[in-house]
């Protein structure tokens, strides 16, 4: 599913200056040093992470990087988690789905979703819905995508580190659009023991050539509470 970039560090640099970070709830110095420490452990089995912070492990091919949770924004459709790299790139997730980015080669500046059922309420036959995306570069505002969301059998061929992967429910989200900009399918692994369902792993693309995996880190940690 993933199409490799030359280097993940070129997309989400984790060693830039402190001036580009805003919006975090921790002290900026400690927050940035923690991200730099994560950068030092990039692509290693034991990255040096600050236990006071909540992280998101981002993957692209064989490369990995770590983003820290800046804050959580309450929204009617569910809380939006705002994740930062030390260089200031931003990824926003709502119920596990990307709903905004900044600083990437392709950015979803805003995503508008209809009301969707909780993960445990997705019907076995699936459902179809539309989302509207404001895309950069190119000032492509209001692009409408039709998506088909459906349950999947357990997926085995992923580098998922969840302690009990057999207990997860999987879902696939297929872009039904035509043309060269059609996105590869997104996949979500959902832990339904944490109602209304927590996405503990996902694979999502911003464009046909820019795809990532996302996993809360450390495994088993709560993704959704900014550290104080």
C-alpha atoms as a PDB file:
ATOM      1  CA  UNK A   1       0.000   0.000   0.000  1.00  0.00           C
ATOM      2  CA  UNK A   2       2.789   2.428   0.868  1.00  0.00           C
ATOM      3  CA  UNK A   3       4.823   4.222  -1.751  1.00  0.00           C
ATOM      4  CA  UNK A   4       8.123   5.206  -0.202  1.00  0.00           C
ATOM      5  CA  UNK A   5       9.433   8.755  -0.011  1.00  0.00           C
ATOM      6  CA  UNK A   6      13.166   9.286  -0.323  1.00  0.00           C
ATOM      7  CA  UNK A   7      13.394   9.926   3.417  1.00  0.00           C
ATOM      8  CA  UNK A   8      10.672  10.305   5.979  1.00  0.00           C
ATOM      9  CA  UNK A   9      12.816  12.893   7.723  1.00  0.00           C
ATOM     10  CA  UNK A  10      12.438  15.063   4.663  1.00  0.00           C
ATOM     11  CA  UNK A  11       8.681  15.068   5.163  1.00  0.00           C
ATOM     12  CA  UNK A  12       8.508  15.360   8.948  1.00  0.00           C
ATOM     13  CA  UNK A  13      11.847  16.782  10.099  1.00  0.00           C
ATOM     14  CA  UNK A  14      12.223  16.315  13.830  1.00  0.00           C
ATOM     15  CA  UNK A  15      15.174  18.574  14.576  1.00  0.00           C
ATOM     16  CA  UNK A  16      14.190  22.117  13.613  1.00  0.00           C
ATOM     17  CA  UNK A  17      14.195  25.337  15.607  1.00  0.00           C
ATOM     18  CA  UNK A  18      11.908  25.994  18.555  1.00  0.00           C
ATOM     19  CA  UNK A  19      10.243  29.026  17.063  1.00  0.00           C
ATOM     20  CA  UNK A  20       7.816  27.094  14.856  1.00  0.00           C
ATOM     21  CA  UNK A  21       5.952  25.333  17.678  1.00  0.00           C
ATOM     22  CA  UNK A  22       2.742  26.767  19.100  1.00  0.00           C
ATOM     23  CA  UNK A  23      -0.335  25.442  20.847  1.00  0.00           C
ATOM     24  CA  UNK A  24       1.164  22.818  23.148  1.00  0.00           C
ATOM     25  CA  UNK A  25       0.136  22.492  26.759  1.00  0.00           C
ATOM     26  CA  UNK A  26       3.549  21.600  28.143  1.00  0.00           C
ATOM     27  CA  UNK A  27       6.515  23.910  28.567  1.00  0.00           C
ATOM     28  CA  UNK A  28       7.947  24.556  25.123  1.00  0.00           C
ATOM     29  CA  UNK A  29      11.545  23.743  26.094  1.00  0.00           C
ATOM     30  CA  UNK A  30      10.815  20.311  27.544  1.00  0.00           C
ATOM     31  CA  UNK A  31       8.326  19.588  24.784  1.00  0.00           C
ATOM     32  CA  UNK A  32      10.838  20.296  22.036  1.00  0.00           C
ATOM     33  CA  UNK A  33      13.664  18.467  23.739  1.00  0.00           C
ATOM     34  CA  UNK A  34      11.430  15.422  23.994  1.00  0.00           C
ATOM     35  CA  UNK A  35      10.759  15.527  20.266  1.00  0.00           C
ATOM     36  CA  UNK A  36      14.461  15.930  19.531  1.00  0.00           C
ATOM     37  CA  UNK A  37      15.114  12.904  21.723  1.00  0.00           C
ATOM     38  CA  UNK A  38      12.529  10.989  19.716  1.00  0.00           C
ATOM     39  CA  UNK A  39      14.295  12.075  16.552  1.00  0.00           C
ATOM     40  CA  UNK A  40      17.555  10.680  17.909  1.00  0.00           C
ATOM     41  CA  UNK A  41      15.815   7.326  18.301  1.00  0.00           C
ATOM     42  CA  UNK A  42      14.160   7.379  14.888  1.00  0.00           C
ATOM     43  CA  UNK A  43      14.039   3.980  13.192  1.00  0.00           C
ATOM     44  CA  UNK A  44      15.330   2.235  16.309  1.00  0.00           C
ATOM     45  CA  UNK A  45      13.578  -0.299  18.515  1.00  0.00           C
ATOM     46  CA  UNK A  46      13.975   1.819  21.654  1.00  0.00           C
ATOM     47  CA  UNK A  47      13.505   5.529  20.949  1.00  0.00           C
ATOM     48  CA  UNK A  48      14.230   7.855  23.856  1.00  0.00           C
ATOM     49  CA  UNK A  49      10.821   9.354  24.606  1.00  0.00           C
ATOM     50  CA  UNK A  50       9.701  11.569  27.455  1.00  0.00           C
ATOM     51  CA  UNK A  51       7.122   9.609  29.513  1.00  0.00           C
ATOM     52  CA  UNK A  52       5.325  12.871  30.325  1.00  0.00           C
ATOM     53  CA  UNK A  53       4.234  13.235  26.713  1.00  0.00           C
ATOM     54  CA  UNK A  54       1.848  11.325  24.475  1.00  0.00           C
ATOM     55  CA  UNK A  55       3.259  10.312  21.091  1.00  0.00           C
ATOM     56  CA  UNK A  56       2.086   9.182  17.692  1.00  0.00           C
ATOM     57  CA  UNK A  57       4.362   6.789  15.803  1.00  0.00           C
ATOM     58  CA  UNK A  58       4.244   7.653  12.123  1.00  0.00           C
ATOM     59  CA  UNK A  59       5.507   5.217   9.518  1.00  0.00           C
ATOM     60  CA  UNK A  60       6.354   5.388   5.837  1.00  0.00           C
ATOM     61  CA  UNK A  61       7.884   2.251   4.421  1.00  0.00           C
ATOM     62  CA  UNK A  62      10.822   1.307   6.659  1.00  0.00           C
ATOM     63  CA  UNK A  63      11.069   4.782   8.202  1.00  0.00           C
ATOM     64  CA  UNK A  64       9.447   5.953  11.418  1.00  0.00           C
ATOM     65  CA  UNK A  65       9.154   9.232  13.275  1.00  0.00           C
ATOM     66  CA  UNK A  66       7.380  10.380  16.422  1.00  0.00           C
ATOM     67  CA  UNK A  67       4.983  13.286  16.857  1.00  0.00           C
ATOM     68  CA  UNK A  68       3.870  14.669  20.217  1.00  0.00           C
ATOM     69  CA  UNK A  69       0.317  15.523  21.189  1.00  0.00           C
ATOM     70  CA  UNK A  70       0.010  19.292  21.459  1.00  0.00           C
ATOM     71  CA  UNK A  71      -3.614  19.587  22.518  1.00  0.00           C
ATOM     72  CA  UNK A  72      -7.091  18.129  22.101  1.00  0.00           C
ATOM     73  CA  UNK A  73      -9.823  20.248  20.534  1.00  0.00           C
ATOM     74  CA  UNK A  74     -13.433  19.404  21.462  1.00  0.00           C
ATOM     75  CA  UNK A  75     -15.662  19.142  18.383  1.00  0.00           C
ATOM     76  CA  UNK A  76     -19.267  17.956  17.914  1.00  0.00           C
ATOM     77  CA  UNK A  77     -18.134  14.975  15.810  1.00  0.00           C
ATOM     78  CA  UNK A  78     -15.509  13.887  18.342  1.00  0.00           C
ATOM     79  CA  UNK A  79     -12.305  15.215  19.857  1.00  0.00           C
ATOM     80  CA  UNK A  80      -9.600  16.350  17.438  1.00  0.00           C
ATOM     81  CA  UNK A  81      -6.053  15.402  18.468  1.00  0.00           C
ATOM     82  CA  UNK A  82      -3.440  17.872  17.230  1.00  0.00           C
ATOM     83  CA  UNK A  83       0.000  16.278  16.771  1.00  0.00           C
ATOM     84  CA  UNK A  84       3.244  18.208  16.151  1.00  0.00           C
ATOM     85  CA  UNK A  85       6.731  17.478  14.941  1.00  0.00           C
ATOM     86  CA  UNK A  86       9.565  19.585  16.323  1.00  0.00           C
ATOM     87  CA  UNK A  87       9.729  21.393  12.982  1.00  0.00           C
ATOM     88  CA  UNK A  88       6.099  22.443  13.255  1.00  0.00           C
ATOM     89  CA  UNK A  89       4.409  20.020  10.852  1.00  0.00           C
ATOM     90  CA  UNK A  90       0.906  19.265  12.083  1.00  0.00           C
ATOM     91  CA  UNK A  91      -1.408  16.279  11.709  1.00  0.00           C
ATOM     92  CA  UNK A  92      -4.940  16.389  13.115  1.00  0.00           C
ATOM     93  CA  UNK A  93      -6.886  13.191  13.797  1.00  0.00           C
ATOM     94  CA  UNK A  94     -10.554  12.811  14.692  1.00  0.00           C
ATOM     95  CA  UNK A  95     -11.790   9.329  15.596  1.00  0.00           C
ATOM     96  CA  UNK A  96      -8.585   8.077  13.970  1.00  0.00           C
ATOM     97  CA  UNK A  97      -9.176   9.845  10.637  1.00  0.00           C
ATOM     98  CA  UNK A  98      -6.996  12.614   9.233  1.00  0.00           C
ATOM     99  CA  UNK A  99      -8.973  15.876   9.360  1.00  0.00           C
ATOM    100  CA  UNK A 100      -6.167  18.371   8.772  1.00  0.00           C
ATOM    101  CA  UNK A 101      -2.445  18.744   8.099  1.00  0.00           C
ATOM    102  CA  UNK A 102       0.078  21.549   7.711  1.00  0.00           C
ATOM    103  CA  UNK A 103       3.658  21.611   6.489  1.00  0.00           C
ATOM    104  CA  UNK A 104       3.579  18.442   4.347  1.00  0.00           C
ATOM    105  CA  UNK A 105       4.203  18.118   0.586  1.00  0.00           C
ATOM    106  CA  UNK A 106       0.436  17.575   0.238  1.00  0.00           C
ATOM    107  CA  UNK A 107      -1.766  19.213   2.856  1.00  0.00           C
ATOM    108  CA  UNK A 108      -5.378  18.674   3.753  1.00  0.00           C
ATOM    109  CA  UNK A 109      -5.952  22.137   5.163  1.00  0.00           C
ATOM    110  CA  UNK A 110      -9.491  21.284   6.225  1.00  0.00           C
ATOM    111  CA  UNK A 111     -11.724  18.205   6.060  1.00  0.00           C
ATOM    112  CA  UNK A 112     -15.501  18.373   6.434  1.00  0.00           C
ATOM    113  CA  UNK A 113     -17.207  15.110   7.408  1.00  0.00           C
ATOM    114  CA  UNK A 114     -20.893  14.275   7.809  1.00  0.00           C
ATOM    115  CA  UNK A 115     -22.115  12.810  11.118  1.00  0.00           C
ATOM    116  CA  UNK A 116     -20.803   9.237  11.198  1.00  0.00           C
ATOM    117  CA  UNK A 117     -21.737   6.331  13.470  1.00  0.00           C
ATOM    118  CA  UNK A 118     -19.280   5.189  16.120  1.00  0.00           C
ATOM    119  CA  UNK A 119     -16.947   2.423  15.007  1.00  0.00           C
ATOM    120  CA  UNK A 120     -18.901  -0.274  16.850  1.00  0.00           C
ATOM    121  CA  UNK A 121     -22.069   0.821  15.025  1.00  0.00           C
ATOM    122  CA  UNK A 122     -20.715   0.460  11.468  1.00  0.00           C
ATOM    123  CA  UNK A 123     -23.110  -2.004   9.774  1.00  0.00           C
ATOM    124  CA  UNK A 124     -21.776  -5.283   8.431  1.00  0.00           C
ATOM    125  CA  UNK A 125     -22.835  -4.213   4.925  1.00  0.00           C
ATOM    126  CA  UNK A 126     -20.813  -1.024   5.277  1.00  0.00           C
ATOM    127  CA  UNK A 127     -21.893   2.512   4.497  1.00  0.00           C
ATOM    128  CA  UNK A 128     -21.195   5.186   1.933  1.00  0.00           C
ATOM    129  CA  UNK A 129     -20.516   8.828   2.709  1.00  0.00           C
ATOM    130  CA  UNK A 130     -18.887  11.948   1.274  1.00  0.00           C
ATOM    131  CA  UNK A 131     -16.179  14.162   2.690  1.00  0.00           C
ATOM    132  CA  UNK A 132     -15.030  17.551   1.460  1.00  0.00           C
ATOM    133  CA  UNK A 133     -11.316  18.449   1.498  1.00  0.00           C
ATOM    134  CA  UNK A 134      -9.403  21.698   0.996  1.00  0.00           C
ATOM    135  CA  UNK A 135      -6.138  20.633  -0.669  1.00  0.00           C
ATOM    136  CA  UNK A 136      -2.758  22.294  -1.074  1.00  0.00           C
ATOM    137  CA  UNK A 137      -0.731  22.890  -3.139  1.00  0.00           C
ATOM    138  CA  UNK A 138      -2.876  24.148  -5.957  1.00  0.00           C
ATOM    139  CA  UNK A 139      -5.666  25.779  -3.916  1.00  0.00           C
ATOM    140  CA  UNK A 140      -8.072  22.907  -4.589  1.00  0.00           C
ATOM    141  CA  UNK A 141     -10.831  23.818  -2.170  1.00  0.00           C
ATOM    142  CA  UNK A 142     -14.006  21.853  -1.634  1.00  0.00           C
ATOM    143  CA  UNK A 143     -12.917  18.670  -3.383  1.00  0.00           C
ATOM    144  CA  UNK A 144     -15.611  16.033  -2.743  1.00  0.00           C
ATOM    145  CA  UNK A 145     -14.694  12.385  -2.262  1.00  0.00           C
ATOM    146  CA  UNK A 146     -17.190   9.532  -2.039  1.00  0.00           C
ATOM    147  CA  UNK A 147     -16.023   6.817   0.342  1.00  0.00           C
ATOM    148  CA  UNK A 148     -17.186   3.292   1.084  1.00  0.00           C
ATOM    149  CA  UNK A 149     -16.522   2.210   4.682  1.00  0.00           C
ATOM    150  CA  UNK A 150     -16.851  -1.466   5.531  1.00  0.00           C
ATOM    151  CA  UNK A 151     -15.665  -4.017   8.124  1.00  0.00           C
ATOM    152  CA  UNK A 152     -12.720  -6.220   7.180  1.00  0.00           C
ATOM    153  CA  UNK A 153     -11.566  -9.655   8.324  1.00  0.00           C
ATOM    154  CA  UNK A 154      -8.521  -9.469  10.643  1.00  0.00           C
ATOM    155  CA  UNK A 155      -5.495  -8.132   8.800  1.00  0.00           C
ATOM    156  CA  UNK A 156      -2.234  -9.981   9.381  1.00  0.00           C
ATOM    157  CA  UNK A 157       0.417  -8.390   7.154  1.00  0.00           C
ATOM    158  CA  UNK A 158       0.985  -5.174   9.085  1.00  0.00           C
ATOM    159  CA  UNK A 159       3.654  -4.110  11.566  1.00  0.00           C
ATOM    160  CA  UNK A 160       1.067  -3.657  14.307  1.00  0.00           C
ATOM    161  CA  UNK A 161       2.463  -3.809  17.836  1.00  0.00           C
ATOM    162  CA  UNK A 162      -0.817  -4.029  19.730  1.00  0.00           C
ATOM    163  CA  UNK A 163      -0.646  -6.601  22.519  1.00  0.00           C
ATOM    164  CA  UNK A 164      -3.739  -8.523  21.382  1.00  0.00           C
ATOM    165  CA  UNK A 165      -4.211  -7.926  17.635  1.00  0.00           C
ATOM    166  CA  UNK A 166      -6.746 -10.766  17.319  1.00  0.00           C
ATOM    167  CA  UNK A 167      -9.193  -8.769  19.449  1.00  0.00           C
ATOM    168  CA  UNK A 168      -9.194  -5.758  17.144  1.00  0.00           C
ATOM    169  CA  UNK A 169     -11.894  -4.935  14.597  1.00  0.00           C
ATOM    170  CA  UNK A 170     -10.674  -3.844  11.175  1.00  0.00           C
ATOM    171  CA  UNK A 171     -12.291  -1.456   8.723  1.00  0.00           C
ATOM    172  CA  UNK A 172     -11.474  -0.374   5.191  1.00  0.00           C
ATOM    173  CA  UNK A 173     -12.333   2.972   3.615  1.00  0.00           C
ATOM    174  CA  UNK A 174     -12.293   2.962  -0.199  1.00  0.00           C
ATOM    175  CA  UNK A 175     -12.174   6.096  -2.332  1.00  0.00           C
ATOM    176  CA  UNK A 176     -14.785   5.646  -5.080  1.00  0.00           C
ATOM    177  CA  UNK A 177     -13.575   8.639  -7.073  1.00  0.00           C
ATOM    178  CA  UNK A 178     -12.345   8.303 -10.644  1.00  0.00           C
ATOM    179  CA  UNK A 179      -9.083   9.639 -12.017  1.00  0.00           C
ATOM    180  CA  UNK A 180      -5.405   9.789 -11.143  1.00  0.00           C
ATOM    181  CA  UNK A 181      -6.040  11.417  -7.752  1.00  0.00           C
ATOM    182  CA  UNK A 182      -7.966   8.446  -6.411  1.00  0.00           C
ATOM    183  CA  UNK A 183      -6.527   7.472  -3.029  1.00  0.00           C
ATOM    184  CA  UNK A 184      -5.423   3.959  -2.034  1.00  0.00           C
ATOM    185  CA  UNK A 185      -7.770   2.347   0.510  1.00  0.00           C
ATOM    186  CA  UNK A 186      -7.378   3.407   4.128  1.00  0.00           C
ATOM    187  CA  UNK A 187      -7.400   0.766   6.883  1.00  0.00           C
ATOM    188  CA  UNK A 188      -8.206   1.160  10.569  1.00  0.00           C
ATOM    189  CA  UNK A 189      -7.661  -1.238  13.484  1.00  0.00           C
ATOM    190  CA  UNK A 190     -10.110  -0.405  16.274  1.00  0.00           C
ATOM    191  CA  UNK A 191     -10.018  -1.514  19.897  1.00  0.00           C
ATOM    192  CA  UNK A 192     -13.698  -1.819  20.835  1.00  0.00           C
ATOM    193  CA  UNK A 193     -12.913  -2.538  24.482  1.00  0.00           C
ATOM    194  CA  UNK A 194     -12.393   1.241  24.734  1.00  0.00           C
ATOM    195  CA  UNK A 195     -15.869   2.416  23.810  1.00  0.00           C
ATOM    196  CA  UNK A 196     -16.926   4.030  21.565  1.00  0.00           C
ATOM    197  CA  UNK A 197     -13.862   2.490  19.924  1.00  0.00           C
ATOM    198  CA  UNK A 198     -10.255   3.690  19.762  1.00  0.00           C
ATOM    199  CA  UNK A 199      -8.233   3.488  16.565  1.00  0.00           C
ATOM    200  CA  UNK A 200      -4.937   1.902  17.607  1.00  0.00           C
ATOM    201  CA  UNK A 201      -3.454   1.633  14.122  1.00  0.00           C
ATOM    202  CA  UNK A 202      -4.303   3.057  10.714  1.00  0.00           C
ATOM    203  CA  UNK A 203      -2.951   3.400   7.182  1.00  0.00           C
ATOM    204  CA  UNK A 204      -4.037   6.564   5.385  1.00  0.00           C
ATOM    205  CA  UNK A 205      -2.962   8.499   2.299  1.00  0.00           C
ATOM    206  CA  UNK A 206      -2.987  12.227   1.566  1.00  0.00           C
ATOM    207  CA  UNK A 207      -2.337  11.540  -2.124  1.00  0.00           C
ATOM    208  CA  UNK A 208      -1.696   8.424  -4.233  1.00  0.00           C
ATOM    209  CA  UNK A 209       2.043   8.801  -3.514  1.00  0.00           C
ATOM    210  CA  UNK A 210       2.005  10.059   0.114  1.00  0.00           C
ATOM    211  CA  UNK A 211       0.875   7.403   2.594  1.00  0.00           C
ATOM    212  CA  UNK A 212       1.496   6.878   6.297  1.00  0.00           C
ATOM    213  CA  UNK A 213       0.734   4.509   9.117  1.00  0.00           C
ATOM    214  CA  UNK A 214      -0.258   5.878  12.535  1.00  0.00           C
ATOM    215  CA  UNK A 215      -0.007   4.182  15.922  1.00  0.00           C
ATOM    216  CA  UNK A 216      -0.287   5.646  19.449  1.00  0.00           C
ATOM    217  CA  UNK A 217       3.029   5.294  21.258  1.00  0.00           C
ATOM    218  CA  UNK A 218       3.945   3.654  23.536  1.00  0.00           C
ATOM    219  CA  UNK A 219       1.723   0.738  22.597  1.00  0.00           C
ATOM    220  CA  UNK A 220      -1.216   0.538  24.976  1.00  0.00           C
ATOM    221  CA  UNK A 221      -1.011   4.203  25.867  1.00  0.00           C
ATOM    222  CA  UNK A 222      -4.007   6.500  25.693  1.00  0.00           C
ATOM    223  CA  UNK A 223      -3.954   8.719  22.611  1.00  0.00           C
ATOM    224  CA  UNK A 224      -6.053  11.710  23.391  1.00  0.00           C
ATOM    225  CA  UNK A 225      -4.865  13.476  26.557  1.00  0.00           C
ATOM    226  CA  UNK A 226      -2.244  16.148  26.281  1.00  0.00           C
ATOM    227  CA  UNK A 227       0.408  15.903  28.966  1.00  0.00           C
ATOM    228  CA  UNK A 228       0.535  18.595  31.608  1.00  0.00           C
END
